[in-house]
Amino acid sequence: MTKKIIAIWAQDDQGLIGKDGHMPWHLPAELKHFKETTTGHAILMGRVTFEGMNKRLLPNRQSLILTHDTDYQAPGALVFHSVAEVLAWFEQQDKHLFITGGAAVYQAFADYYDQAYRTQVHGAFEGDRYFPQIDWSGFSEKTLWHHPSDAQNPYAFSVYQLTKEKKEG
């Protein structure tokens, strides 16, 4: 396996990803996709995202927290204070690194993505955090699957994979 840096997120039709530190929707099938995709690998999130999860570590994943607060502690997780520190850690291990939010963390790693998984929640919601404008022009996109709304998932959504195109030469 060649390890990769991979963005993974869910957004609505306007690019909304959060409301008051939480996701604006609850979709168990999408959460299952996130779990199945990230299990066994490392996940990186900002402090606010981590606190929005009630500082809960997700099982079977190495959790990394990125924060400017040099005194911040997250027992059971690795705490970093710069992109360079995270990249140095990444080079020394063999897991994929999934970037899981928030918006500033997604933006900070924009130049390093090898792949991305975007869940498009079909609809418009209210919130206060949007996925940043990232140039995906060097990536190919394919639809992985579509999930219609049902009794447990009140909104339809589609999952896309973006893969960095290999340069000739």
N, C-alpha and C. Protein backbone atom coordinates (compact mmCIF):
# COMPACT_ATOMS: atom_id res chain seq x y z
N MET A 1 0.84 -1.19 0.00
CA MET A 1 0.00 0.00 0.00
C MET A 1 0.88 1.25 0.00
N THR A 2 0.60 2.15 -0.90
CA THR A 2 1.26 3.44 -0.90
C THR A 2 0.42 4.37 -0.05
N LYS A 3 1.00 4.89 1.02
CA LYS A 3 0.21 5.75 1.91
C LYS A 3 -0.12 7.07 1.20
N LYS A 4 -1.25 7.63 1.58
CA LYS A 4 -1.76 8.84 0.94
C LYS A 4 -2.28 9.81 1.99
N ILE A 5 -2.33 11.07 1.59
CA ILE A 5 -3.03 12.10 2.36
C ILE A 5 -4.36 12.32 1.65
N ILE A 6 -5.44 12.13 2.38
CA ILE A 6 -6.77 12.07 1.79
C ILE A 6 -7.73 12.98 2.56
N ALA A 7 -8.41 13.86 1.85
CA ALA A 7 -9.47 14.67 2.45
C ALA A 7 -10.75 13.84 2.44
N ILE A 8 -11.53 13.95 3.51
CA ILE A 8 -12.83 13.28 3.54
C ILE A 8 -13.81 14.22 4.24
N TRP A 9 -14.95 14.47 3.57
CA TRP A 9 -15.93 15.39 4.15
C TRP A 9 -17.30 15.18 3.52
N ALA A 10 -18.30 15.74 4.19
CA ALA A 10 -19.66 15.78 3.67
C ALA A 10 -20.06 17.24 3.59
N GLN A 11 -20.75 17.59 2.51
CA GLN A 11 -21.20 18.97 2.31
C GLN A 11 -22.58 18.97 1.68
N ASP A 12 -23.29 20.08 1.86
CA ASP A 12 -24.58 20.19 1.18
C ASP A 12 -24.35 20.80 -0.20
N ASP A 13 -25.41 21.11 -0.91
CA ASP A 13 -25.30 21.60 -2.29
C ASP A 13 -24.63 22.97 -2.38
N GLN A 14 -24.54 23.72 -1.26
CA GLN A 14 -23.86 25.01 -1.24
C GLN A 14 -22.46 24.93 -0.62
N GLY A 15 -21.99 23.73 -0.30
CA GLY A 15 -20.67 23.58 0.29
C GLY A 15 -20.64 23.69 1.80
N LEU A 16 -21.80 23.75 2.43
CA LEU A 16 -21.89 23.83 3.89
C LEU A 16 -21.40 22.53 4.52
N ILE A 17 -20.55 22.65 5.56
CA ILE A 17 -20.06 21.45 6.25
C ILE A 17 -20.35 21.46 7.75
N GLY A 18 -20.77 22.59 8.32
CA GLY A 18 -20.96 22.60 9.76
C GLY A 18 -21.91 23.68 10.25
N LYS A 19 -22.42 23.43 11.45
CA LYS A 19 -23.28 24.39 12.13
C LYS A 19 -23.00 24.27 13.63
N ASP A 20 -22.52 25.36 14.21
CA ASP A 20 -22.24 25.40 15.65
C ASP A 20 -21.34 24.25 16.11
N GLY A 21 -20.32 23.94 15.30
CA GLY A 21 -19.37 22.89 15.67
C GLY A 21 -19.83 21.47 15.41
N HIS A 22 -20.95 21.31 14.73
CA HIS A 22 -21.50 19.97 14.45
C HIS A 22 -21.92 19.89 12.99
N MET A 23 -22.23 18.69 12.55
CA MET A 23 -22.75 18.52 11.20
C MET A 23 -24.24 18.91 11.20
N PRO A 24 -24.70 19.56 10.13
CA PRO A 24 -26.10 20.02 10.08
C PRO A 24 -27.11 18.92 9.76
N TRP A 25 -26.68 17.69 9.65
CA TRP A 25 -27.56 16.56 9.32
C TRP A 25 -27.08 15.32 10.07
N HIS A 26 -27.95 14.33 10.15
CA HIS A 26 -27.55 13.05 10.74
C HIS A 26 -27.90 11.96 9.73
N LEU A 27 -26.86 11.33 9.16
CA LEU A 27 -27.04 10.31 8.14
C LEU A 27 -26.24 9.07 8.52
N PRO A 28 -26.87 8.11 9.18
CA PRO A 28 -26.13 6.91 9.61
C PRO A 28 -25.38 6.19 8.49
N ALA A 29 -25.95 6.14 7.29
CA ALA A 29 -25.26 5.45 6.19
C ALA A 29 -24.00 6.21 5.79
N GLU A 30 -24.01 7.53 5.88
CA GLU A 30 -22.82 8.31 5.56
C GLU A 30 -21.77 8.14 6.65
N LEU A 31 -22.21 8.09 7.91
CA LEU A 31 -21.27 7.86 9.01
C LEU A 31 -20.64 6.46 8.89
N LYS A 32 -21.39 5.50 8.42
CA LYS A 32 -20.86 4.15 8.20
C LYS A 32 -19.77 4.19 7.12
N HIS A 33 -20.02 4.93 6.05
CA HIS A 33 -19.02 5.11 4.99
C HIS A 33 -17.73 5.72 5.56
N PHE A 34 -17.88 6.76 6.39
CA PHE A 34 -16.71 7.39 7.02
C PHE A 34 -15.94 6.38 7.86
N LYS A 35 -16.66 5.62 8.66
CA LYS A 35 -16.01 4.62 9.52
C LYS A 35 -15.27 3.57 8.69
N GLU A 36 -15.95 3.01 7.70
CA GLU A 36 -15.34 1.96 6.88
C GLU A 36 -14.13 2.47 6.11
N THR A 37 -14.16 3.72 5.69
CA THR A 37 -13.08 4.30 4.89
C THR A 37 -11.86 4.62 5.75
N THR A 38 -12.08 5.11 6.96
CA THR A 38 -10.96 5.59 7.79
C THR A 38 -10.42 4.58 8.79
N THR A 39 -11.16 3.53 9.09
CA THR A 39 -10.71 2.55 10.08
C THR A 39 -9.36 1.96 9.68
N GLY A 40 -8.46 1.88 10.67
CA GLY A 40 -7.14 1.33 10.46
C GLY A 40 -6.12 2.37 10.01
N HIS A 41 -6.54 3.60 9.87
CA HIS A 41 -5.65 4.66 9.39
C HIS A 41 -5.60 5.79 10.43
N ALA A 42 -4.99 6.89 10.06
CA ALA A 42 -4.90 8.06 10.94
C ALA A 42 -5.89 9.11 10.46
N ILE A 43 -6.47 9.84 11.42
CA ILE A 43 -7.37 10.94 11.08
C ILE A 43 -6.84 12.21 11.75
N LEU A 44 -6.83 13.29 10.99
CA LEU A 44 -6.37 14.59 11.50
C LEU A 44 -7.53 15.55 11.48
N MET A 45 -7.69 16.25 12.60
CA MET A 45 -8.73 17.28 12.68
C MET A 45 -8.21 18.43 13.51
N GLY A 46 -8.86 19.57 13.36
CA GLY A 46 -8.54 20.72 14.18
C GLY A 46 -9.15 20.57 15.57
N ARG A 47 -8.70 21.41 16.46
CA ARG A 47 -9.17 21.38 17.84
C ARG A 47 -10.68 21.57 17.92
N VAL A 48 -11.23 22.52 17.17
CA VAL A 48 -12.66 22.81 17.24
C VAL A 48 -13.47 21.60 16.78
N THR A 49 -13.03 20.93 15.72
CA THR A 49 -13.71 19.72 15.25
C THR A 49 -13.66 18.64 16.33
N PHE A 50 -12.48 18.46 16.93
CA PHE A 50 -12.32 17.47 17.99
C PHE A 50 -13.24 17.77 19.17
N GLU A 51 -13.30 19.02 19.57
CA GLU A 51 -14.18 19.39 20.69
C GLU A 51 -15.64 19.27 20.31
N GLY A 52 -15.97 19.48 19.03
CA GLY A 52 -17.34 19.28 18.55
C GLY A 52 -17.78 17.83 18.63
N MET A 53 -16.79 16.92 18.70
CA MET A 53 -17.07 15.49 18.87
C MET A 53 -16.99 15.12 20.35
N ASN A 54 -17.06 16.12 21.21
CA ASN A 54 -16.94 15.92 22.66
C ASN A 54 -15.62 15.25 23.04
N LYS A 55 -14.56 15.57 22.28
CA LYS A 55 -13.21 15.05 22.52
C LYS A 55 -13.18 13.52 22.51
N ARG A 56 -14.05 12.95 21.70
CA ARG A 56 -14.16 11.49 21.62
C ARG A 56 -13.19 10.95 20.57
N LEU A 57 -12.37 10.01 20.98
CA LEU A 57 -11.47 9.34 20.05
C LEU A 57 -12.24 8.25 19.33
N LEU A 58 -12.08 8.18 18.02
CA LEU A 58 -12.78 7.16 17.25
C LEU A 58 -11.99 5.86 17.29
N PRO A 59 -12.67 4.74 17.50
CA PRO A 59 -11.95 3.47 17.64
C PRO A 59 -11.22 3.05 16.37
N ASN A 60 -10.12 2.32 16.56
CA ASN A 60 -9.35 1.73 15.48
C ASN A 60 -8.79 2.74 14.48
N ARG A 61 -8.53 3.96 14.98
CA ARG A 61 -7.90 5.00 14.18
C ARG A 61 -6.94 5.77 15.08
N GLN A 62 -5.82 6.20 14.53
CA GLN A 62 -4.91 7.07 15.26
C GLN A 62 -5.41 8.50 15.08
N SER A 63 -5.74 9.17 16.17
CA SER A 63 -6.27 10.53 16.10
C SER A 63 -5.16 11.55 16.27
N LEU A 64 -5.13 12.52 15.36
CA LEU A 64 -4.20 13.63 15.41
C LEU A 64 -5.00 14.92 15.50
N ILE A 65 -4.58 15.82 16.36
CA ILE A 65 -5.24 17.10 16.54
C ILE A 65 -4.26 18.19 16.15
N LEU A 66 -4.70 19.15 15.34
CA LEU A 66 -3.88 20.29 14.94
C LEU A 66 -4.44 21.54 15.61
N THR A 67 -3.60 22.22 16.38
CA THR A 67 -4.03 23.42 17.10
C THR A 67 -2.87 24.38 17.27
N HIS A 68 -3.19 25.67 17.34
CA HIS A 68 -2.16 26.69 17.63
C HIS A 68 -1.87 26.75 19.13
N ASP A 69 -2.75 26.18 19.94
CA ASP A 69 -2.60 26.22 21.40
C ASP A 69 -1.52 25.23 21.84
N THR A 70 -0.36 25.76 22.20
CA THR A 70 0.78 24.90 22.55
C THR A 70 0.59 24.18 23.88
N ASP A 71 -0.41 24.55 24.66
CA ASP A 71 -0.68 23.87 25.92
C ASP A 71 -1.80 22.84 25.80
N TYR A 72 -2.37 22.71 24.61
CA TYR A 72 -3.53 21.82 24.43
C TYR A 72 -3.14 20.37 24.63
N GLN A 73 -3.98 19.66 25.34
CA GLN A 73 -3.77 18.23 25.56
C GLN A 73 -5.01 17.45 25.16
N ALA A 74 -4.78 16.32 24.56
CA ALA A 74 -5.87 15.42 24.15
C ALA A 74 -5.39 14.00 24.43
N PRO A 75 -5.61 13.52 25.66
CA PRO A 75 -5.14 12.18 26.01
C PRO A 75 -5.60 11.13 25.01
N GLY A 76 -4.65 10.33 24.54
CA GLY A 76 -4.95 9.28 23.56
C GLY A 76 -4.74 9.72 22.12
N ALA A 77 -4.59 11.02 21.89
CA ALA A 77 -4.37 11.55 20.55
C ALA A 77 -2.98 12.18 20.48
N LEU A 78 -2.50 12.37 19.28
CA LEU A 78 -1.26 13.11 19.07
C LEU A 78 -1.63 14.55 18.75
N VAL A 79 -0.96 15.51 19.38
CA VAL A 79 -1.26 16.93 19.18
C VAL A 79 -0.11 17.57 18.43
N PHE A 80 -0.45 18.28 17.35
CA PHE A 80 0.53 18.98 16.52
C PHE A 80 0.17 20.45 16.45
N HIS A 81 1.18 21.27 16.12
CA HIS A 81 0.98 22.72 16.09
C HIS A 81 1.28 23.35 14.74
N SER A 82 1.64 22.52 13.74
CA SER A 82 1.89 23.05 12.40
C SER A 82 1.71 21.95 11.36
N VAL A 83 1.47 22.38 10.14
CA VAL A 83 1.38 21.44 9.02
C VAL A 83 2.71 20.69 8.89
N ALA A 84 3.82 21.39 9.03
CA ALA A 84 5.15 20.76 8.91
C ALA A 84 5.32 19.63 9.91
N GLU A 85 4.87 19.81 11.15
CA GLU A 85 4.96 18.75 12.16
C GLU A 85 4.14 17.53 11.75
N VAL A 86 2.95 17.77 11.23
CA VAL A 86 2.09 16.67 10.80
C VAL A 86 2.75 15.92 9.63
N LEU A 87 3.28 16.66 8.66
CA LEU A 87 3.92 16.03 7.51
C LEU A 87 5.15 15.22 7.93
N ALA A 88 5.92 15.71 8.90
CA ALA A 88 7.08 14.96 9.40
C ALA A 88 6.62 13.66 10.04
N TRP A 89 5.52 13.71 10.82
CA TRP A 89 4.96 12.50 11.42
C TRP A 89 4.52 11.53 10.31
N PHE A 90 3.83 12.06 9.31
CA PHE A 90 3.30 11.25 8.21
C PHE A 90 4.43 10.48 7.52
N GLU A 91 5.55 11.12 7.30
CA GLU A 91 6.67 10.48 6.61
C GLU A 91 7.26 9.32 7.41
N GLN A 92 7.06 9.32 8.72
CA GLN A 92 7.69 8.31 9.59
C GLN A 92 6.79 7.11 9.89
N GLN A 93 5.63 7.03 9.28
CA GLN A 93 4.71 5.93 9.58
C GLN A 93 4.12 5.41 8.28
N ASP A 94 3.24 4.41 8.36
CA ASP A 94 2.77 3.76 7.13
C ASP A 94 1.26 3.79 6.91
N LYS A 95 0.55 4.62 7.63
CA LYS A 95 -0.90 4.70 7.48
C LYS A 95 -1.29 5.83 6.51
N HIS A 96 -2.48 5.68 5.90
CA HIS A 96 -3.07 6.82 5.20
C HIS A 96 -3.39 7.87 6.26
N LEU A 97 -3.35 9.13 5.86
CA LEU A 97 -3.75 10.22 6.75
C LEU A 97 -4.99 10.87 6.16
N PHE A 98 -6.11 10.73 6.86
CA PHE A 98 -7.37 11.33 6.44
C PHE A 98 -7.54 12.68 7.13
N ILE A 99 -7.73 13.72 6.34
CA ILE A 99 -7.98 15.06 6.87
C ILE A 99 -9.50 15.17 7.02
N THR A 100 -9.95 15.42 8.26
CA THR A 100 -11.39 15.34 8.55
C THR A 100 -12.01 16.67 8.98
N GLY A 101 -11.28 17.76 8.90
CA GLY A 101 -11.88 19.06 9.19
C GLY A 101 -11.23 19.78 10.35
N GLY A 102 -11.63 20.95 10.57
CA GLY A 102 -12.58 21.78 9.86
C GLY A 102 -11.98 22.47 8.64
N ALA A 103 -12.69 23.53 8.24
CA ALA A 103 -12.38 24.23 7.00
C ALA A 103 -10.93 24.69 6.93
N ALA A 104 -10.40 25.26 8.01
CA ALA A 104 -9.02 25.76 7.99
C ALA A 104 -8.02 24.63 7.84
N VAL A 105 -8.31 23.47 8.41
CA VAL A 105 -7.42 22.32 8.29
C VAL A 105 -7.47 21.77 6.86
N TYR A 106 -8.68 21.68 6.28
CA TYR A 106 -8.77 21.25 4.89
C TYR A 106 -7.93 22.17 4.00
N GLN A 107 -8.05 23.47 4.21
CA GLN A 107 -7.31 24.44 3.40
C GLN A 107 -5.81 24.30 3.60
N ALA A 108 -5.38 24.10 4.84
CA ALA A 108 -3.95 24.02 5.15
C ALA A 108 -3.27 22.85 4.43
N PHE A 109 -4.01 21.80 4.12
CA PHE A 109 -3.42 20.62 3.48
C PHE A 109 -3.74 20.54 1.99
N ALA A 110 -4.32 21.58 1.42
CA ALA A 110 -4.77 21.56 0.03
C ALA A 110 -3.68 21.16 -0.96
N ASP A 111 -2.44 21.54 -0.71
CA ASP A 111 -1.35 21.23 -1.63
C ASP A 111 -0.82 19.80 -1.48
N TYR A 112 -1.32 19.05 -0.52
CA TYR A 112 -0.76 17.74 -0.21
C TYR A 112 -1.70 16.57 -0.52
N TYR A 113 -2.92 16.85 -0.95
CA TYR A 113 -3.87 15.76 -1.16
C TYR A 113 -3.48 14.86 -2.33
N ASP A 114 -3.56 13.55 -2.08
CA ASP A 114 -3.42 12.55 -3.13
C ASP A 114 -4.79 12.09 -3.61
N GLN A 115 -5.77 12.23 -2.71
CA GLN A 115 -7.11 11.72 -2.98
C GLN A 115 -8.09 12.46 -2.08
N ALA A 116 -9.37 12.35 -2.43
CA ALA A 116 -10.41 12.93 -1.58
C ALA A 116 -11.69 12.12 -1.74
N TYR A 117 -12.47 12.11 -0.67
CA TYR A 117 -13.82 11.53 -0.69
C TYR A 117 -14.79 12.63 -0.28
N ARG A 118 -15.68 13.00 -1.20
CA ARG A 118 -16.68 14.03 -0.91
C ARG A 118 -18.06 13.40 -0.92
N THR A 119 -18.77 13.58 0.18
CA THR A 119 -20.16 13.19 0.22
C THR A 119 -20.99 14.43 -0.06
N GLN A 120 -21.83 14.37 -1.08
CA GLN A 120 -22.70 15.48 -1.44
C GLN A 120 -24.09 15.17 -0.88
N VAL A 121 -24.46 15.89 0.18
CA VAL A 121 -25.79 15.74 0.76
C VAL A 121 -26.72 16.60 -0.08
N HIS A 122 -27.72 15.98 -0.68
CA HIS A 122 -28.58 16.70 -1.62
C HIS A 122 -29.61 17.52 -0.86
N GLY A 123 -29.36 18.82 -0.85
CA GLY A 123 -30.24 19.76 -0.17
C GLY A 123 -29.44 20.97 0.27
N ALA A 124 -30.13 21.93 0.84
CA ALA A 124 -29.50 23.14 1.36
C ALA A 124 -29.88 23.26 2.83
N PHE A 125 -28.88 23.49 3.66
CA PHE A 125 -29.06 23.54 5.10
C PHE A 125 -28.57 24.88 5.63
N GLU A 126 -28.85 25.14 6.88
CA GLU A 126 -28.34 26.34 7.51
C GLU A 126 -27.14 25.98 8.36
N GLY A 127 -26.14 26.85 8.34
CA GLY A 127 -24.96 26.59 9.12
C GLY A 127 -23.98 27.74 9.03
N ASP A 128 -22.75 27.51 9.52
CA ASP A 128 -21.78 28.59 9.59
C ASP A 128 -20.39 28.21 9.09
N ARG A 129 -20.19 27.00 8.61
CA ARG A 129 -18.88 26.57 8.12
C ARG A 129 -19.02 25.94 6.74
N TYR A 130 -18.17 26.39 5.83
CA TYR A 130 -18.20 25.91 4.45
C TYR A 130 -16.87 25.29 4.08
N PHE A 131 -16.92 24.30 3.19
CA PHE A 131 -15.68 23.72 2.69
C PHE A 131 -14.94 24.80 1.92
N PRO A 132 -13.61 24.91 2.09
CA PRO A 132 -12.86 25.98 1.41
C PRO A 132 -12.78 25.76 -0.10
N GLN A 133 -12.48 26.84 -0.80
CA GLN A 133 -12.29 26.77 -2.24
C GLN A 133 -10.92 26.13 -2.51
N ILE A 134 -10.92 24.92 -3.02
CA ILE A 134 -9.69 24.19 -3.34
C ILE A 134 -9.72 23.86 -4.83
N ASP A 135 -8.60 24.02 -5.48
CA ASP A 135 -8.49 23.72 -6.91
C ASP A 135 -8.31 22.21 -7.10
N TRP A 136 -9.35 21.56 -7.59
CA TRP A 136 -9.31 20.12 -7.83
C TRP A 136 -9.06 19.82 -9.30
N SER A 137 -8.57 20.79 -10.08
CA SER A 137 -8.42 20.61 -11.52
C SER A 137 -7.43 19.50 -11.88
N GLY A 138 -6.49 19.17 -11.03
CA GLY A 138 -5.54 18.10 -11.31
C GLY A 138 -6.02 16.73 -10.84
N PHE A 139 -7.31 16.62 -10.55
CA PHE A 139 -7.88 15.37 -10.02
C PHE A 139 -8.96 14.86 -10.96
N SER A 140 -9.09 13.55 -11.04
CA SER A 140 -10.23 12.96 -11.75
C SER A 140 -11.28 12.60 -10.70
N GLU A 141 -12.54 12.70 -11.10
CA GLU A 141 -13.63 12.43 -10.16
C GLU A 141 -14.49 11.30 -10.68
N LYS A 142 -14.87 10.41 -9.76
CA LYS A 142 -15.83 9.37 -10.14
C LYS A 142 -16.84 9.22 -9.02
N THR A 143 -18.06 8.87 -9.42
CA THR A 143 -19.11 8.61 -8.45
C THR A 143 -18.92 7.21 -7.91
N LEU A 144 -18.87 7.07 -6.59
CA LEU A 144 -18.75 5.75 -5.98
C LEU A 144 -20.11 5.11 -5.77
N TRP A 145 -21.05 5.88 -5.23
CA TRP A 145 -22.39 5.36 -5.02
C TRP A 145 -23.34 6.48 -4.61
N HIS A 146 -24.63 6.17 -4.72
CA HIS A 146 -25.70 7.10 -4.36
C HIS A 146 -26.59 6.41 -3.33
N HIS A 147 -26.98 7.15 -2.31
CA HIS A 147 -27.87 6.60 -1.28
C HIS A 147 -29.14 7.45 -1.25
N PRO A 148 -30.28 6.84 -1.57
CA PRO A 148 -31.53 7.60 -1.51
C PRO A 148 -31.94 7.85 -0.06
N SER A 149 -32.81 8.80 0.13
CA SER A 149 -33.33 9.00 1.48
C SER A 149 -34.15 7.77 1.88
N ASP A 150 -34.13 7.48 3.19
CA ASP A 150 -34.90 6.35 3.70
C ASP A 150 -35.27 6.65 5.15
N ALA A 151 -35.80 5.68 5.86
CA ALA A 151 -36.29 5.90 7.22
C ALA A 151 -35.17 6.35 8.17
N GLN A 152 -33.94 5.86 7.98
CA GLN A 152 -32.84 6.23 8.87
C GLN A 152 -32.03 7.42 8.34
N ASN A 153 -32.09 7.66 7.05
CA ASN A 153 -31.30 8.72 6.40
C ASN A 153 -32.26 9.66 5.68
N PRO A 154 -32.64 10.76 6.34
CA PRO A 154 -33.70 11.62 5.80
C PRO A 154 -33.32 12.40 4.54
N TYR A 155 -32.05 12.39 4.15
CA TYR A 155 -31.62 13.12 2.96
C TYR A 155 -30.84 12.18 2.04
N ALA A 156 -31.09 12.28 0.76
CA ALA A 156 -30.31 11.52 -0.22
C ALA A 156 -28.90 12.11 -0.29
N PHE A 157 -27.91 11.26 -0.61
CA PHE A 157 -26.55 11.75 -0.78
C PHE A 157 -25.80 10.87 -1.77
N SER A 158 -24.74 11.43 -2.32
CA SER A 158 -23.87 10.72 -3.25
C SER A 158 -22.43 10.85 -2.76
N VAL A 159 -21.64 9.81 -2.98
CA VAL A 159 -20.24 9.80 -2.57
C VAL A 159 -19.37 9.79 -3.82
N TYR A 160 -18.41 10.71 -3.84
CA TYR A 160 -17.48 10.86 -4.96
C TYR A 160 -16.05 10.64 -4.48
N GLN A 161 -15.24 10.09 -5.36
CA GLN A 161 -13.81 9.93 -5.09
C GLN A 161 -13.06 10.81 -6.09
N LEU A 162 -12.16 11.63 -5.58
CA LEU A 162 -11.29 12.45 -6.41
C LEU A 162 -9.87 11.91 -6.27
N THR A 163 -9.21 11.65 -7.37
CA THR A 163 -7.87 11.07 -7.34
C THR A 163 -6.93 11.95 -8.17
N LYS A 164 -5.79 12.27 -7.54
CA LYS A 164 -4.80 13.09 -8.24
C LYS A 164 -4.31 12.35 -9.46
N GLU A 165 -4.32 13.07 -10.58
CA GLU A 165 -3.88 12.47 -11.83
C GLU A 165 -2.37 12.39 -11.86
N LYS A 166 -1.87 11.26 -12.33
CA LYS A 166 -0.42 11.07 -12.43
C LYS A 166 0.12 11.92 -13.57
N LYS A 167 1.23 12.57 -13.32
CA LYS A 167 1.85 13.39 -14.36
C LYS A 167 2.75 12.53 -15.22
N GLU A 168 2.65 12.74 -16.52
CA GLU A 168 3.50 12.01 -17.47
C GLU A 168 4.92 12.53 -17.36
N GLY A 169 5.86 11.62 -17.58
CA GLY A 169 7.25 12.10 -17.62
C GLY A 169 8.06 11.42 -16.66
